[in-house]
């Protein structure tokens, strides 16, 4: 134990580490930030399907997701995977079909963040495929809600090989962050078009829904 502590202390001097969620020193993901992903899922119903996320996309959780998405950080992926496992435990048991990274995101990162988290959870999934021409250029996060919905229409398909593998079985859509819901709605549409039966949507994080106050 003393030797381990000494080695850890020496390593922290040579290669400083800080929690990606809160900047706590000497740990990639601290216990407090891990706990945020295990505190209890965020639940809602989206177009008649249960949507369950590990946490809200804010604060340290947002920072952990960004670190995983942008750098493929393994410790962060494992922390997010633990939250995803809890989410899947409350949804119906089904095959997992993940939302793919955008083409631009894959070119820039060289990996798929959702696939990384699913693998870190020790799970297997089938990926939808980007299909059809992009309706608008630009990143999804830069679009309005209406623009997101328009851009998502017809953008996903289930590859023929996956259609044969799933055989119309129940499926759960998996994504890292659900914002407007346009992408997961498109995933549900694509799966139903392929003859599958979506029974839920699982996400690592969900953005806070904004309540619009009525005009006086």
Protein backbone atom coordinates (compact mmCIF):
# COMPACT_ATOMS: atom_id res chain seq x y z
CA UNK A 1 0.00 0.00 0.00
CA UNK A 2 2.78 2.47 0.93
CA UNK A 3 4.66 1.66 -2.28
CA UNK A 4 1.50 2.14 -4.35
CA UNK A 5 0.81 5.50 -2.72
CA UNK A 6 4.40 6.60 -3.29
CA UNK A 7 4.25 5.61 -6.97
CA UNK A 8 0.96 7.41 -7.41
CA UNK A 9 2.38 10.54 -5.80
CA UNK A 10 5.47 10.42 -8.03
CA UNK A 11 3.33 9.94 -11.13
CA UNK A 12 1.15 12.91 -10.18
CA UNK A 13 4.22 15.12 -10.15
CA UNK A 14 5.52 13.91 -13.51
CA UNK A 15 2.12 13.63 -15.23
CA UNK A 16 -0.42 15.84 -13.39
CA UNK A 17 -3.99 14.54 -13.55
CA UNK A 18 -7.21 16.35 -12.75
CA UNK A 19 -10.82 15.19 -12.77
CA UNK A 20 -12.41 16.00 -16.11
CA UNK A 21 -15.64 16.85 -14.33
CA UNK A 22 -14.55 19.17 -11.51
CA UNK A 23 -10.73 19.56 -11.75
CA UNK A 24 -10.09 17.66 -8.51
CA UNK A 25 -6.42 16.73 -8.45
CA UNK A 26 -4.74 13.33 -8.88
CA UNK A 27 -7.73 11.48 -10.33
CA UNK A 28 -9.16 11.29 -13.86
CA UNK A 29 -12.75 11.04 -12.57
CA UNK A 30 -13.39 11.71 -8.89
CA UNK A 31 -15.89 9.83 -6.73
CA UNK A 32 -18.22 12.83 -6.51
CA UNK A 33 -18.49 13.15 -10.29
CA UNK A 34 -19.01 9.40 -10.67
CA UNK A 35 -21.81 9.62 -8.15
CA UNK A 36 -23.66 12.17 -10.28
CA UNK A 37 -24.04 9.51 -12.98
CA UNK A 38 -25.31 6.94 -10.48
CA UNK A 39 -27.67 9.11 -8.44
CA UNK A 40 -30.80 8.08 -10.29
CA UNK A 41 -31.92 8.32 -13.89
CA UNK A 42 -33.74 11.17 -15.59
CA UNK A 43 -36.96 9.83 -17.07
CA UNK A 44 -39.52 11.10 -19.55
CA UNK A 45 -41.71 9.89 -22.36
CA UNK A 46 -40.77 10.89 -25.91
CA UNK A 47 -43.41 10.21 -28.55
CA UNK A 48 -44.81 7.36 -26.47
CA UNK A 49 -41.44 5.71 -25.74
CA UNK A 50 -39.62 5.77 -22.39
CA UNK A 51 -36.51 7.94 -22.59
CA UNK A 52 -34.09 7.38 -19.72
CA UNK A 53 -30.81 9.23 -19.17
CA UNK A 54 -28.22 8.78 -16.43
CA UNK A 55 -28.10 12.50 -15.60
CA UNK A 56 -28.80 15.99 -16.87
CA UNK A 57 -26.32 17.40 -19.35
CA UNK A 58 -24.93 20.11 -17.10
CA UNK A 59 -22.01 20.90 -14.81
CA UNK A 60 -19.49 18.10 -14.21
CA UNK A 61 -21.52 15.57 -16.20
CA UNK A 62 -21.32 17.79 -19.25
CA UNK A 63 -17.55 18.14 -18.79
CA UNK A 64 -17.15 14.36 -18.55
CA UNK A 65 -19.17 13.82 -21.71
CA UNK A 66 -17.15 16.46 -23.59
CA UNK A 67 -13.85 14.88 -22.45
CA UNK A 68 -15.01 11.49 -23.67
CA UNK A 69 -16.38 12.83 -26.98
CA UNK A 70 -13.39 14.98 -27.83
CA UNK A 71 -10.47 12.96 -26.50
CA UNK A 72 -11.73 9.39 -26.21
CA UNK A 73 -10.69 9.44 -22.56
CA UNK A 74 -10.96 5.91 -21.15
CA UNK A 75 -11.58 6.79 -17.49
CA UNK A 76 -14.36 9.16 -18.51
CA UNK A 77 -15.83 6.52 -20.84
CA UNK A 78 -15.93 4.01 -17.97
CA UNK A 79 -17.69 6.52 -15.71
CA UNK A 80 -20.28 7.27 -18.40
CA UNK A 81 -20.65 3.54 -19.06
CA UNK A 82 -21.58 2.92 -15.43
CA UNK A 83 -24.41 5.42 -15.79
CA UNK A 84 -25.53 3.83 -19.05
CA UNK A 85 -25.66 0.41 -17.40
CA UNK A 86 -28.07 1.72 -14.76
CA UNK A 87 -30.21 3.31 -17.47
CA UNK A 88 -30.47 0.07 -19.42
CA UNK A 89 -31.40 -1.82 -16.26
CA UNK A 90 -34.70 0.12 -16.04
CA UNK A 91 -35.60 -0.22 -19.72
CA UNK A 92 -37.05 -3.35 -21.34
CA UNK A 93 -34.45 -5.92 -22.28
CA UNK A 94 -33.75 -5.59 -25.99
CA UNK A 95 -31.04 -5.40 -28.65
CA UNK A 96 -29.04 -2.15 -28.52
CA UNK A 97 -28.90 0.02 -31.62
CA UNK A 98 -26.71 3.08 -31.31
CA UNK A 99 -26.90 6.46 -33.01
CA UNK A 100 -23.73 6.89 -35.10
CA UNK A 101 -21.38 9.83 -34.92
CA UNK A 102 -21.73 12.36 -37.70
CA UNK A 103 -19.43 11.98 -40.68
CA UNK A 104 -17.67 15.22 -39.75
CA UNK A 105 -17.28 14.03 -36.16
CA UNK A 106 -15.78 10.72 -37.24
CA UNK A 107 -13.32 12.47 -39.54
CA UNK A 108 -12.27 14.87 -36.81
CA UNK A 109 -12.09 12.42 -33.88
CA UNK A 110 -11.31 9.15 -35.58
CA UNK A 111 -13.68 7.25 -33.26
CA UNK A 112 -17.36 6.98 -32.33
CA UNK A 113 -18.01 8.24 -28.75
CA UNK A 114 -21.23 6.25 -28.31
CA UNK A 115 -19.51 3.04 -29.42
CA UNK A 116 -16.69 3.79 -26.97
CA UNK A 117 -19.09 4.12 -24.02
CA UNK A 118 -21.08 1.02 -25.00
CA UNK A 119 -17.87 -1.04 -25.19
CA UNK A 120 -16.72 0.36 -21.84
CA UNK A 121 -19.99 -0.96 -20.38
CA UNK A 122 -19.13 -4.42 -21.69
CA UNK A 123 -22.09 -4.37 -24.07
CA UNK A 124 -22.60 -5.01 -27.75
CA UNK A 125 -24.57 -2.80 -30.10
CA UNK A 126 -25.44 -2.40 -33.75
CA UNK A 127 -24.93 0.99 -35.38
CA UNK A 128 -27.38 2.83 -37.55
CA UNK A 129 -25.78 4.33 -40.64
CA UNK A 130 -25.80 7.88 -41.90
CA UNK A 131 -27.69 7.89 -45.17
CA UNK A 132 -29.07 10.40 -47.63
CA UNK A 133 -27.84 13.87 -48.41
CA UNK A 134 -27.38 16.35 -45.61
CA UNK A 135 -30.21 18.85 -45.67
CA UNK A 136 -28.09 21.61 -44.16
CA UNK A 137 -24.44 22.06 -43.43
CA UNK A 138 -23.07 22.85 -39.99
CA UNK A 139 -22.90 21.15 -36.63
CA UNK A 140 -26.11 19.89 -35.06
CA UNK A 141 -25.39 21.79 -31.83
CA UNK A 142 -25.39 25.07 -33.77
CA UNK A 143 -28.91 24.56 -35.14
CA UNK A 144 -32.26 25.65 -33.76
CA UNK A 145 -34.78 23.00 -32.68
CA UNK A 146 -36.63 23.32 -35.99
CA UNK A 147 -33.39 23.10 -37.96
CA UNK A 148 -32.34 19.99 -36.03
CA UNK A 149 -35.61 18.27 -36.86
CA UNK A 150 -35.30 19.17 -40.55
CA UNK A 151 -31.67 18.06 -40.75
CA UNK A 152 -32.46 14.72 -39.08
CA UNK A 153 -35.25 13.72 -41.46
CA UNK A 154 -34.20 10.70 -43.50
CA UNK A 155 -30.62 10.90 -42.22
CA UNK A 156 -30.41 7.42 -40.64
CA UNK A 157 -30.91 3.92 -41.99
CA UNK A 158 -30.43 0.43 -40.61
CA UNK A 159 -27.96 -1.42 -42.87
CA UNK A 160 -29.39 -4.54 -44.62
CA UNK A 161 -27.04 -6.83 -42.74
CA UNK A 162 -28.29 -5.40 -39.43
CA UNK A 163 -31.90 -5.77 -40.57
CA UNK A 164 -31.26 -9.48 -41.09
CA UNK A 165 -29.43 -9.80 -37.77
CA UNK A 166 -32.16 -8.12 -35.74
CA UNK A 167 -34.99 -9.90 -37.48
CA UNK A 168 -37.62 -7.40 -36.33
CA UNK A 169 -36.82 -7.89 -32.63
CA UNK A 170 -37.35 -5.29 -29.87
CA UNK A 171 -34.59 -2.67 -29.79
CA UNK A 172 -33.42 0.16 -27.54
CA UNK A 173 -31.92 3.26 -29.14
CA UNK A 174 -28.65 4.36 -27.48
CA UNK A 175 -27.15 7.86 -27.72
CA UNK A 176 -24.73 9.87 -25.62
CA UNK A 177 -26.67 13.14 -25.28
CA UNK A 178 -30.31 13.85 -26.13
CA UNK A 179 -30.94 17.54 -26.76
CA UNK A 180 -33.97 18.40 -28.90
CA UNK A 181 -34.77 14.73 -29.48
CA UNK A 182 -34.59 15.09 -33.28
CA UNK A 183 -31.82 12.52 -33.74
CA UNK A 184 -33.35 9.80 -31.55
CA UNK A 185 -36.74 10.40 -33.19
CA UNK A 186 -35.08 9.80 -36.55
CA UNK A 187 -33.44 6.66 -35.16
CA UNK A 188 -36.84 5.36 -34.03
CA UNK A 189 -38.30 6.11 -37.47
CA UNK A 190 -35.45 4.30 -39.24
CA UNK A 191 -35.80 1.25 -37.00
CA UNK A 192 -39.55 1.03 -37.49
CA UNK A 193 -39.05 1.37 -41.24
CA UNK A 194 -36.71 -1.63 -41.03
CA UNK A 195 -39.36 -3.69 -39.25
CA UNK A 196 -37.92 -3.42 -35.74
CA UNK A 197 -39.83 -2.56 -32.58
CA UNK A 198 -38.23 0.28 -30.57
CA UNK A 199 -39.12 -0.14 -26.90
CA UNK A 200 -37.04 2.62 -25.32
CA UNK A 201 -34.34 5.26 -25.65
CA UNK A 202 -31.22 5.22 -23.47
CA UNK A 203 -28.84 8.14 -23.09
CA UNK A 204 -25.92 9.09 -20.93
CA UNK A 205 -27.24 12.63 -20.50
CA UNK A 206 -30.30 14.72 -21.30
CA UNK A 207 -30.32 18.48 -21.66
CA UNK A 208 -32.71 20.33 -19.40
CA UNK A 209 -36.00 20.89 -21.13
CA UNK A 210 -36.88 24.56 -21.35
CA UNK A 211 -40.39 25.51 -20.29
CA UNK A 212 -41.71 28.42 -22.33
CA UNK A 213 -43.81 30.81 -20.26
CA UNK A 214 -47.06 31.88 -21.95
CA UNK A 215 -47.29 35.51 -23.01
CA UNK A 216 -49.39 37.72 -20.77
